[in-house]
Amino acid sequence: MSNIIQVYKVNWGSASIGTDPLCDGLWNNNNRINIHWPTFCKNYLNDENAKLKKNYLTQFYIKYTNDDNIERMNYNGFILNDLIFNETPWENFKKAKVFTTIEPF
């Protein structure tokens, strides 16, 4: 059985978080997907100081293929303003596509 949910794409930045204005804070840190929370809040939620709500941790999804199926990302922890997930940025030669159910501003 499939559930239909509305998701929004989270954009990758360059090799690090840097100041890429198109980046939503998504980056590769030691082969794990991280989201730099202040950058995500500033560029995605339009509030650099937004508090991290517990329910946000289960609102990120991933896929590596071009089909419609996505899987919930596995939250690992929060270190130095980063949400850390267990998923890797690459699967074989396919870069991860990350989505959230958090509605952007």
PDB file of N, CA and C in Angstrom:
ATOM      1  N   MET A   1       0.841  -1.176   0.000  1.00  0.00           N
ATOM      2  CA  MET A   1       0.000   0.000   0.000  1.00  0.00           C
ATOM      3  C   MET A   1       0.889   1.242   0.000  1.00  0.00           C
ATOM      4  N   SER A   2       0.526   2.218  -0.767  1.00  0.00           N
ATOM      5  CA  SER A   2       1.278   3.464  -0.854  1.00  0.00           C
ATOM      6  C   SER A   2       0.484   4.592  -0.227  1.00  0.00           C
ATOM      7  N   ASN A   3       1.206   5.464   0.455  1.00  0.00           N
ATOM      8  CA  ASN A   3       0.604   6.679   0.982  1.00  0.00           C
ATOM      9  C   ASN A   3       1.082   7.840   0.142  1.00  0.00           C
ATOM     10  N   ILE A   4       0.222   8.784  -0.116  1.00  0.00           N
ATOM     11  CA  ILE A   4       0.602   9.968  -0.865  1.00  0.00           C
ATOM     12  C   ILE A   4       0.777  11.117   0.120  1.00  0.00           C
ATOM     13  N   ILE A   5       1.976  11.714   0.074  1.00  0.00           N
ATOM     14  CA  ILE A   5       2.257  12.874   0.912  1.00  0.00           C
ATOM     15  C   ILE A   5       2.824  13.973   0.034  1.00  0.00           C
ATOM     16  N   GLN A   6       2.679  15.205   0.459  1.00  0.00           N
ATOM     17  CA  GLN A   6       3.246  16.321  -0.293  1.00  0.00           C
ATOM     18  C   GLN A   6       4.627  16.612   0.277  1.00  0.00           C
ATOM     19  N   VAL A   7       5.627  16.609  -0.600  1.00  0.00           N
ATOM     20  CA  VAL A   7       6.993  16.870  -0.177  1.00  0.00           C
ATOM     21  C   VAL A   7       7.573  18.035  -0.962  1.00  0.00           C
ATOM     22  N   TYR A   8       8.611  18.630  -0.409  1.00  0.00           N
ATOM     23  CA  TYR A   8       9.307  19.757  -1.017  1.00  0.00           C
ATOM     24  C   TYR A   8      10.786  19.402  -1.089  1.00  0.00           C
ATOM     25  N   LYS A   9      11.418  19.739  -2.208  1.00  0.00           N
ATOM     26  CA  LYS A   9      12.815  19.387  -2.414  1.00  0.00           C
ATOM     27  C   LYS A   9      13.725  20.263  -1.556  1.00  0.00           C
ATOM     28  N   VAL A  10      14.735  19.635  -0.964  1.00  0.00           N
ATOM     29  CA  VAL A  10      15.764  20.343  -0.209  1.00  0.00           C
ATOM     30  C   VAL A  10      17.000  20.381  -1.109  1.00  0.00           C
ATOM     31  N   ASN A  11      17.547  21.571  -1.337  1.00  0.00           N
ATOM     32  CA  ASN A  11      18.625  21.750  -2.301  1.00  0.00           C
ATOM     33  C   ASN A  11      20.012  21.567  -1.701  1.00  0.00           C
ATOM     34  N   TRP A  12      20.852  20.847  -2.450  1.00  0.00           N
ATOM     35  CA  TRP A  12      22.259  20.681  -2.098  1.00  0.00           C
ATOM     36  C   TRP A  12      22.994  21.985  -2.349  1.00  0.00           C
ATOM     37  N   GLY A  13      24.046  22.188  -1.592  1.00  0.00           N
ATOM     38  CA  GLY A  13      24.940  23.309  -1.836  1.00  0.00           C
ATOM     39  C   GLY A  13      26.176  22.817  -2.549  1.00  0.00           C
ATOM     40  N   SER A  14      27.256  23.527  -2.403  1.00  0.00           N
ATOM     41  CA  SER A  14      28.520  23.107  -2.979  1.00  0.00           C
ATOM     42  C   SER A  14      29.157  22.074  -2.047  1.00  0.00           C
ATOM     43  N   ALA A  15      30.465  21.903  -2.130  1.00  0.00           N
ATOM     44  CA  ALA A  15      31.150  20.879  -1.342  1.00  0.00           C
ATOM     45  C   ALA A  15      30.962  21.064   0.168  1.00  0.00           C
ATOM     46  N   SER A  16      30.829  22.290   0.607  1.00  0.00           N
ATOM     47  CA  SER A  16      30.537  22.553   2.024  1.00  0.00           C
ATOM     48  C   SER A  16      29.360  23.516   2.082  1.00  0.00           C
ATOM     49  N   ILE A  17      28.922  23.851   3.282  1.00  0.00           N
ATOM     50  CA  ILE A  17      27.735  24.692   3.384  1.00  0.00           C
ATOM     51  C   ILE A  17      27.989  26.079   2.825  1.00  0.00           C
ATOM     52  N   GLY A  18      29.105  26.662   3.183  1.00  0.00           N
ATOM     53  CA  GLY A  18      29.504  27.946   2.626  1.00  0.00           C
ATOM     54  C   GLY A  18      28.403  28.986   2.622  1.00  0.00           C
ATOM     55  N   THR A  19      28.407  29.804   1.603  1.00  0.00           N
ATOM     56  CA  THR A  19      27.418  30.882   1.511  1.00  0.00           C
ATOM     57  C   THR A  19      26.579  30.746   0.244  1.00  0.00           C
ATOM     58  N   ASP A  20      26.473  29.564  -0.291  1.00  0.00           N
ATOM     59  CA  ASP A  20      25.705  29.313  -1.499  1.00  0.00           C
ATOM     60  C   ASP A  20      24.246  29.697  -1.245  1.00  0.00           C
ATOM     61  N   PRO A  21      23.744  30.746  -1.914  1.00  0.00           N
ATOM     62  CA  PRO A  21      22.374  31.200  -1.641  1.00  0.00           C
ATOM     63  C   PRO A  21      21.300  30.203  -2.078  1.00  0.00           C
ATOM     64  N   LEU A  22      21.635  29.269  -2.953  1.00  0.00           N
ATOM     65  CA  LEU A  22      20.655  28.289  -3.406  1.00  0.00           C
ATOM     66  C   LEU A  22      20.626  27.056  -2.514  1.00  0.00           C
ATOM     67  N   CYS A  23      21.542  26.982  -1.577  1.00  0.00           N
ATOM     68  CA  CYS A  23      21.648  25.820  -0.688  1.00  0.00           C
ATOM     69  C   CYS A  23      20.653  25.945   0.462  1.00  0.00           C
ATOM     70  N   ASP A  24      20.009  24.830   0.783  1.00  0.00           N
ATOM     71  CA  ASP A  24      19.089  24.797   1.930  1.00  0.00           C
ATOM     72  C   ASP A  24      19.760  24.217   3.165  1.00  0.00           C
ATOM     73  N   GLY A  25      21.092  24.173   3.166  1.00  0.00           N
ATOM     74  CA  GLY A  25      21.825  23.647   4.314  1.00  0.00           C
ATOM     75  C   GLY A  25      22.187  22.184   4.175  1.00  0.00           C
ATOM     76  N   LEU A  26      21.805  21.562   3.085  1.00  0.00           N
ATOM     77  CA  LEU A  26      22.074  20.149   2.854  1.00  0.00           C
ATOM     78  C   LEU A  26      23.518  19.976   2.405  1.00  0.00           C
ATOM     79  N   TRP A  27      24.265  19.094   3.105  1.00  0.00           N
ATOM     80  CA  TRP A  27      25.650  18.883   2.720  1.00  0.00           C
ATOM     81  C   TRP A  27      26.160  17.517   3.135  1.00  0.00           C
ATOM     82  N   ASN A  28      27.311  17.148   2.564  1.00  0.00           N
ATOM     83  CA  ASN A  28      27.961  15.869   2.800  1.00  0.00           C
ATOM     84  C   ASN A  28      29.029  16.064   3.873  1.00  0.00           C
ATOM     85  N   ASN A  29      28.893  15.384   4.982  1.00  0.00           N
ATOM     86  CA  ASN A  29      29.884  15.461   6.051  1.00  0.00           C
ATOM     87  C   ASN A  29      30.302  14.039   6.405  1.00  0.00           C
ATOM     88  N   ASN A  30      31.532  13.681   6.032  1.00  0.00           N
ATOM     89  CA  ASN A  30      32.062  12.337   6.298  1.00  0.00           C
ATOM     90  C   ASN A  30      31.159  11.242   5.742  1.00  0.00           C
ATOM     91  N   ASN A  31      30.695  11.453   4.526  1.00  0.00           N
ATOM     92  CA  ASN A  31      29.854  10.507   3.805  1.00  0.00           C
ATOM     93  C   ASN A  31      28.503  10.245   4.485  1.00  0.00           C
ATOM     94  N   ARG A  32      28.017  11.220   5.199  1.00  0.00           N
ATOM     95  CA  ARG A  32      26.678  11.189   5.786  1.00  0.00           C
ATOM     96  C   ARG A  32      25.976  12.483   5.403  1.00  0.00           C
ATOM     97  N   ILE A  33      24.678  12.388   5.197  1.00  0.00           N
ATOM     98  CA  ILE A  33      23.900  13.582   4.876  1.00  0.00           C
ATOM     99  C   ILE A  33      23.657  14.372   6.159  1.00  0.00           C
ATOM    100  N   ASN A  34      24.001  15.645   6.093  1.00  0.00           N
ATOM    101  CA  ASN A  34      23.777  16.582   7.196  1.00  0.00           C
ATOM    102  C   ASN A  34      22.948  17.749   6.682  1.00  0.00           C
ATOM    103  N   ILE A  35      22.180  18.328   7.566  1.00  0.00           N
ATOM    104  CA  ILE A  35      21.473  19.573   7.259  1.00  0.00           C
ATOM    105  C   ILE A  35      21.907  20.586   8.301  1.00  0.00           C
ATOM    106  N   HIS A  36      22.565  21.646   7.821  1.00  0.00           N
ATOM    107  CA  HIS A  36      22.987  22.718   8.723  1.00  0.00           C
ATOM    108  C   HIS A  36      21.737  23.512   9.092  1.00  0.00           C
ATOM    109  N   TRP A  37      21.292  23.375  10.333  1.00  0.00           N
ATOM    110  CA  TRP A  37      19.996  23.897  10.742  1.00  0.00           C
ATOM    111  C   TRP A  37      19.841  25.404  10.543  1.00  0.00           C
ATOM    112  N   PRO A  38      20.824  26.260  10.919  1.00  0.00           N
ATOM    113  CA  PRO A  38      20.641  27.702  10.692  1.00  0.00           C
ATOM    114  C   PRO A  38      20.468  28.058   9.208  1.00  0.00           C
ATOM    115  N   THR A  39      21.215  27.396   8.319  1.00  0.00           N
ATOM    116  CA  THR A  39      21.082  27.668   6.886  1.00  0.00           C
ATOM    117  C   THR A  39      19.740  27.184   6.369  1.00  0.00           C
ATOM    118  N   PHE A  40      19.315  25.993   6.793  1.00  0.00           N
ATOM    119  CA  PHE A  40      18.003  25.480   6.402  1.00  0.00           C
ATOM    120  C   PHE A  40      16.913  26.458   6.833  1.00  0.00           C
ATOM    121  N   CYS A  41      17.001  26.929   8.058  1.00  0.00           N
ATOM    122  CA  CYS A  41      15.980  27.853   8.573  1.00  0.00           C
ATOM    123  C   CYS A  41      15.976  29.174   7.819  1.00  0.00           C
ATOM    124  N   LYS A  42      17.156  29.695   7.530  1.00  0.00           N
ATOM    125  CA  LYS A  42      17.257  30.985   6.838  1.00  0.00           C
ATOM    126  C   LYS A  42      16.747  30.896   5.401  1.00  0.00           C
ATOM    127  N   ASN A  43      17.209  29.902   4.658  1.00  0.00           N
ATOM    128  CA  ASN A  43      16.886  29.819   3.238  1.00  0.00           C
ATOM    129  C   ASN A  43      15.593  29.082   2.940  1.00  0.00           C
ATOM    130  N   TYR A  44      15.113  28.293   3.863  1.00  0.00           N
ATOM    131  CA  TYR A  44      13.938  27.469   3.602  1.00  0.00           C
ATOM    132  C   TYR A  44      12.725  27.940   4.392  1.00  0.00           C
ATOM    133  N   LEU A  45      12.962  28.302   5.648  1.00  0.00           N
ATOM    134  CA  LEU A  45      11.860  28.724   6.514  1.00  0.00           C
ATOM    135  C   LEU A  45      11.794  30.234   6.699  1.00  0.00           C
ATOM    136  N   ASN A  46      12.791  30.950   6.153  1.00  0.00           N
ATOM    137  CA  ASN A  46      12.879  32.407   6.277  1.00  0.00           C
ATOM    138  C   ASN A  46      12.975  32.866   7.731  1.00  0.00           C
ATOM    139  N   ASP A  47      13.617  32.058   8.575  1.00  0.00           N
ATOM    140  CA  ASP A  47      13.804  32.398   9.986  1.00  0.00           C
ATOM    141  C   ASP A  47      15.070  31.710  10.480  1.00  0.00           C
ATOM    142  N   GLU A  48      16.177  32.456  10.485  1.00  0.00           N
ATOM    143  CA  GLU A  48      17.479  31.891  10.844  1.00  0.00           C
ATOM    144  C   GLU A  48      17.508  31.332  12.265  1.00  0.00           C
ATOM    145  N   ASN A  49      16.617  31.799  13.115  1.00  0.00           N
ATOM    146  CA  ASN A  49      16.619  31.380  14.512  1.00  0.00           C
ATOM    147  C   ASN A  49      15.469  30.437  14.867  1.00  0.00           C
ATOM    148  N   ALA A  50      14.901  29.795  13.880  1.00  0.00           N
ATOM    149  CA  ALA A  50      13.787  28.880  14.145  1.00  0.00           C
ATOM    150  C   ALA A  50      14.245  27.738  15.040  1.00  0.00           C
ATOM    151  N   LYS A  51      13.421  27.402  15.995  1.00  0.00           N
ATOM    152  CA  LYS A  51      13.753  26.314  16.910  1.00  0.00           C
ATOM    153  C   LYS A  51      13.512  24.971  16.234  1.00  0.00           C
ATOM    154  N   LEU A  52      14.370  24.032  16.565  1.00  0.00           N
ATOM    155  CA  LEU A  52      14.232  22.677  16.043  1.00  0.00           C
ATOM    156  C   LEU A  52      13.149  21.967  16.833  1.00  0.00           C
ATOM    157  N   LYS A  53      12.068  21.611  16.158  1.00  0.00           N
ATOM    158  CA  LYS A  53      10.982  20.885  16.806  1.00  0.00           C
ATOM    159  C   LYS A  53      11.211  19.392  16.640  1.00  0.00           C
ATOM    160  N   LYS A  54      10.858  18.641  17.646  1.00  0.00           N
ATOM    161  CA  LYS A  54      11.095  17.196  17.628  1.00  0.00           C
ATOM    162  C   LYS A  54      10.449  16.520  16.425  1.00  0.00           C
ATOM    163  N   ASN A  55       9.271  16.968  16.024  1.00  0.00           N
ATOM    164  CA  ASN A  55       8.594  16.320  14.897  1.00  0.00           C
ATOM    165  C   ASN A  55       9.307  16.593  13.565  1.00  0.00           C
ATOM    166  N   TYR A  56      10.169  17.617  13.485  1.00  0.00           N
ATOM    167  CA  TYR A  56      10.932  17.866  12.267  1.00  0.00           C
ATOM    168  C   TYR A  56      11.860  16.695  11.939  1.00  0.00           C
ATOM    169  N   LEU A  57      12.320  15.983  12.954  1.00  0.00           N
ATOM    170  CA  LEU A  57      13.325  14.931  12.761  1.00  0.00           C
ATOM    171  C   LEU A  57      12.826  13.777  11.908  1.00  0.00           C
ATOM    172  N   THR A  58      11.520  13.619  11.824  1.00  0.00           N
ATOM    173  CA  THR A  58      10.952  12.528  11.019  1.00  0.00           C
ATOM    174  C   THR A  58      10.324  13.045   9.724  1.00  0.00           C
ATOM    175  N   GLN A  59      10.621  14.282   9.358  1.00  0.00           N
ATOM    176  CA  GLN A  59       9.993  14.880   8.184  1.00  0.00           C
ATOM    177  C   GLN A  59      10.943  15.042   7.003  1.00  0.00           C
ATOM    178  N   PHE A  60      12.005  14.244   6.970  1.00  0.00           N
ATOM    179  CA  PHE A  60      12.943  14.279   5.850  1.00  0.00           C
ATOM    180  C   PHE A  60      12.938  12.925   5.158  1.00  0.00           C
ATOM    181  N   TYR A  61      12.952  12.958   3.832  1.00  0.00           N
ATOM    182  CA  TYR A  61      12.829  11.756   3.000  1.00  0.00           C
ATOM    183  C   TYR A  61      13.923  11.756   1.940  1.00  0.00           C
ATOM    184  N   ILE A  62      14.200  10.565   1.409  1.00  0.00           N
ATOM    185  CA  ILE A  62      15.292  10.422   0.452  1.00  0.00           C
ATOM    186  C   ILE A  62      14.925   9.449  -0.653  1.00  0.00           C
ATOM    187  N   LYS A  63      15.545   9.662  -1.806  1.00  0.00           N
ATOM    188  CA  LYS A  63      15.484   8.675  -2.884  1.00  0.00           C
ATOM    189  C   LYS A  63      16.740   8.856  -3.738  1.00  0.00           C
ATOM    190  N   TYR A  64      17.167   7.786  -4.368  1.00  0.00           N
ATOM    191  CA  TYR A  64      18.336   7.806  -5.241  1.00  0.00           C
ATOM    192  C   TYR A  64      17.957   7.566  -6.699  1.00  0.00           C
ATOM    193  N   THR A  65      16.787   7.038  -6.920  1.00  0.00           N
ATOM    194  CA  THR A  65      16.347   6.701  -8.271  1.00  0.00           C
ATOM    195  C   THR A  65      15.349   7.735  -8.773  1.00  0.00           C
ATOM    196  N   ASN A  66      14.879   7.544  -9.993  1.00  0.00           N
ATOM    197  CA  ASN A  66      13.925   8.494 -10.568  1.00  0.00           C
ATOM    198  C   ASN A  66      12.469   8.072 -10.389  1.00  0.00           C
ATOM    199  N   ASP A  67      12.225   6.993  -9.651  1.00  0.00           N
ATOM    200  CA  ASP A  67      10.833   6.589  -9.449  1.00  0.00           C
ATOM    201  C   ASP A  67      10.175   7.473  -8.385  1.00  0.00           C
ATOM    202  N   ASP A  68       8.931   7.207  -8.098  1.00  0.00           N
ATOM    203  CA  ASP A  68       8.171   8.047  -7.164  1.00  0.00           C
ATOM    204  C   ASP A  68       8.312   7.632  -5.702  1.00  0.00           C
ATOM    205  N   ASN A  69       8.962   6.521  -5.434  1.00  0.00           N
ATOM    206  CA  ASN A  69       9.072   6.026  -4.063  1.00  0.00           C
ATOM    207  C   ASN A  69      10.157   6.760  -3.290  1.00  0.00           C
ATOM    208  N   ILE A  70       9.799   7.218  -2.108  1.00  0.00           N
ATOM    209  CA  ILE A  70      10.769   7.847  -1.216  1.00  0.00           C
ATOM    210  C   ILE A  70      10.738   7.110   0.117  1.00  0.00           C
ATOM    211  N   GLU A  71      11.825   7.225   0.867  1.00  0.00           N
ATOM    212  CA  GLU A  71      11.907   6.590   2.175  1.00  0.00           C
ATOM    213  C   GLU A  71      12.248   7.637   3.226  1.00  0.00           C
ATOM    214  N   ARG A  72      11.731   7.437   4.415  1.00  0.00           N
ATOM    215  CA  ARG A  72      12.034   8.345   5.513  1.00  0.00           C
ATOM    216  C   ARG A  72      13.508   8.213   5.873  1.00  0.00           C
ATOM    217  N   MET A  73      14.159   9.347   6.084  1.00  0.00           N
ATOM    218  CA  MET A  73      15.566   9.344   6.479  1.00  0.00           C
ATOM    219  C   MET A  73      15.669   8.994   7.961  1.00  0.00           C
ATOM    220  N   ASN A  74      16.780   8.380   8.321  1.00  0.00           N
ATOM    221  CA  ASN A  74      17.025   7.954   9.700  1.00  0.00           C
ATOM    222  C   ASN A  74      17.889   8.974  10.425  1.00  0.00           C
ATOM    223  N   TYR A  75      17.269   9.709  11.330  1.00  0.00           N
ATOM    224  CA  TYR A  75      17.958  10.729  12.114  1.00  0.00           C
ATOM    225  C   TYR A  75      18.948  10.065  13.065  1.00  0.00           C
ATOM    226  N   ASN A  76      20.179  10.600  13.117  1.00  0.00           N
ATOM    227  CA  ASN A  76      21.228  10.034  13.958  1.00  0.00           C
ATOM    228  C   ASN A  76      21.551  10.922  15.150  1.00  0.00           C
ATOM    229  N   GLY A  77      21.538  12.236  14.974  1.00  0.00           N
ATOM    230  CA  GLY A  77      21.875  13.125  16.078  1.00  0.00           C
ATOM    231  C   GLY A  77      21.991  14.572  15.618  1.00  0.00           C
ATOM    232  N   PHE A  78      22.304  15.433  16.585  1.00  0.00           N
ATOM    233  CA  PHE A  78      22.439  16.867  16.333  1.00  0.00           C
ATOM    234  C   PHE A  78      23.769  17.311  16.922  1.00  0.00           C
ATOM    235  N   ILE A  79      24.688  17.752  16.058  1.00  0.00           N
ATOM    236  CA  ILE A  79      26.005  18.199  16.518  1.00  0.00           C
ATOM    237  C   ILE A  79      26.354  19.501  15.812  1.00  0.00           C
ATOM    238  N   LEU A  80      26.768  20.505  16.591  1.00  0.00           N
ATOM    239  CA  LEU A  80      27.211  21.792  16.047  1.00  0.00           C
ATOM    240  C   LEU A  80      26.255  22.368  15.012  1.00  0.00           C
ATOM    241  N   ASN A  81      25.007  22.463  15.337  1.00  0.00           N
ATOM    242  CA  ASN A  81      23.975  23.035  14.471  1.00  0.00           C
ATOM    243  C   ASN A  81      23.622  22.189  13.256  1.00  0.00           C
ATOM    244  N   ASP A  82      24.042  20.933  13.229  1.00  0.00           N
ATOM    245  CA  ASP A  82      23.744  20.056  12.101  1.00  0.00           C
ATOM    246  C   ASP A  82      22.847  18.907  12.513  1.00  0.00           C
ATOM    247  N   LEU A  83      21.821  18.660  11.700  1.00  0.00           N
ATOM    248  CA  LEU A  83      21.043  17.426  11.809  1.00  0.00           C
ATOM    249  C   LEU A  83      21.835  16.372  11.055  1.00  0.00           C
ATOM    250  N   ILE A  84      22.138  15.267  11.696  1.00  0.00           N
ATOM    251  CA  ILE A  84      22.923  14.212  11.067  1.00  0.00           C
ATOM    252  C   ILE A  84      22.017  13.020  10.796  1.00  0.00           C
ATOM    253  N   PHE A  85      22.079  12.521   9.563  1.00  0.00           N
ATOM    254  CA  PHE A  85      21.290  11.369   9.164  1.00  0.00           C
ATOM    255  C   PHE A  85      22.212  10.211   8.810  1.00  0.00           C
ATOM    256  N   ASN A  86      21.714   9.001   8.862  1.00  0.00           N
ATOM    257  CA  ASN A  86      22.513   7.811   8.558  1.00  0.00           C
ATOM    258  C   ASN A  86      22.730   7.607   7.066  1.00  0.00           C
ATOM    259  N   GLU A  87      21.917   8.212   6.234  1.00  0.00           N
ATOM    260  CA  GLU A  87      21.997   7.989   4.796  1.00  0.00           C
ATOM    261  C   GLU A  87      23.230   8.657   4.196  1.00  0.00           C
ATOM    262  N   THR A  88      23.707   8.065   3.097  1.00  0.00           N
ATOM    263  CA  THR A  88      24.870   8.605   2.396  1.00  0.00           C
ATOM    264  C   THR A  88      24.425   9.492   1.237  1.00  0.00           C
ATOM    265  N   PRO A  89      25.261  10.448   0.853  1.00  0.00           N
ATOM    266  CA  PRO A  89      24.902  11.345  -0.247  1.00  0.00           C
ATOM    267  C   PRO A  89      24.858  10.667  -1.613  1.00  0.00           C
ATOM    268  N   TRP A  90      25.542   9.538  -1.736  1.00  0.00           N
ATOM    269  CA  TRP A  90      25.595   8.823  -3.015  1.00  0.00           C
ATOM    270  C   TRP A  90      25.260   7.363  -2.818  1.00  0.00           C
ATOM    271  N   GLU A  91      24.544   6.788  -3.782  1.00  0.00           N
ATOM    272  CA  GLU A  91      24.330   5.351  -3.851  1.00  0.00           C
ATOM    273  C   GLU A  91      24.760   4.946  -5.253  1.00  0.00           C
ATOM    274  N   ASN A  92      25.890   4.221  -5.322  1.00  0.00           N
ATOM    275  CA  ASN A  92      26.536   3.929  -6.603  1.00  0.00           C
ATOM    276  C   ASN A  92      26.865   5.267  -7.272  1.00  0.00           C
ATOM    277  N   PHE A  93      26.312   5.554  -8.425  1.00  0.00           N
ATOM    278  CA  PHE A  93      26.610   6.812  -9.111  1.00  0.00           C
ATOM    279  C   PHE A  93      25.445   7.791  -9.055  1.00  0.00           C
ATOM    280  N   LYS A  94      24.484   7.528  -8.188  1.00  0.00           N
ATOM    281  CA  LYS A  94      23.302   8.389  -8.094  1.00  0.00           C
ATOM    282  C   LYS A  94      23.356   9.224  -6.815  1.00  0.00           C
ATOM    283  N   LYS A  95      23.257  10.537  -6.988  1.00  0.00           N
ATOM    284  CA  LYS A  95      23.253  11.437  -5.837  1.00  0.00           C
ATOM    285  C   LYS A  95      21.870  11.442  -5.203  1.00  0.00           C
ATOM    286  N   ALA A  96      21.838  11.478  -3.909  1.00  0.00           N
ATOM    287  CA  ALA A  96      20.581  11.469  -3.169  1.00  0.00           C
ATOM    288  C   ALA A  96      19.745  12.709  -3.483  1.00  0.00           C
ATOM    289  N   LYS A  97      18.457  12.492  -3.567  1.00  0.00           N
ATOM    290  CA  LYS A  97      17.494  13.584  -3.661  1.00  0.00           C
ATOM    291  C   LYS A  97      16.779  13.602  -2.326  1.00  0.00           C
ATOM    292  N   VAL A  98      16.816  14.740  -1.655  1.00  0.00           N
ATOM    293  CA  VAL A  98      16.268  14.858  -0.302  1.00  0.00           C
ATOM    294  C   VAL A  98      15.035  15.750  -0.340  1.00  0.00           C
ATOM    295  N   PHE A  99      14.025  15.331   0.405  1.00  0.00           N
ATOM    296  CA  PHE A  99      12.754  16.041   0.457  1.00  0.00           C
ATOM    297  C   PHE A  99      12.314  16.200   1.910  1.00  0.00           C
ATOM    298  N   THR A 100      11.401  17.108   2.121  1.00  0.00           N
ATOM    299  CA  THR A 100      10.813  17.287   3.455  1.00  0.00           C
ATOM    300  C   THR A 100       9.327  17.562   3.319  1.00  0.00           C
ATOM    301  N   THR A 101       8.611  17.257   4.389  1.00  0.00           N
ATOM    302  CA  THR A 101       7.185  17.608   4.433  1.00  0.00           C
ATOM    303  C   THR A 101       6.986  18.947   5.141  1.00  0.00           C
ATOM    304  N   ILE A 102       8.090  19.558   5.588  1.00  0.00           N
ATOM    305  CA  ILE A 102       8.022  20.893   6.194  1.00  0.00           C
ATOM    306  C   ILE A 102       7.771  21.890   5.072  1.00  0.00           C
ATOM    307  N   GLU A 103       6.675  22.610   5.155  1.00  0.00           N
ATOM    308  CA  GLU A 103       6.320  23.531   4.079  1.00  0.00           C
ATOM    309  C   GLU A 103       7.205  24.773   4.101  1.00  0.00           C
ATOM    310  N   PRO A 104       7.830  25.120   2.959  1.00  0.00           N
ATOM    311  CA  PRO A 104       8.681  26.327   2.919  1.00  0.00           C
ATOM    312  C   PRO A 104       7.835  27.593   3.011  1.00  0.00           C
ATOM    313  N   PHE A 105       8.493  28.687   3.354  1.00  0.00           N
ATOM    314  CA  PHE A 105       7.781  29.961   3.482  1.00  0.00           C
ATOM    315  C   PHE A 105       7.274  30.439   2.160  1.00  0.00           C
TER     316      PHE A 105
END
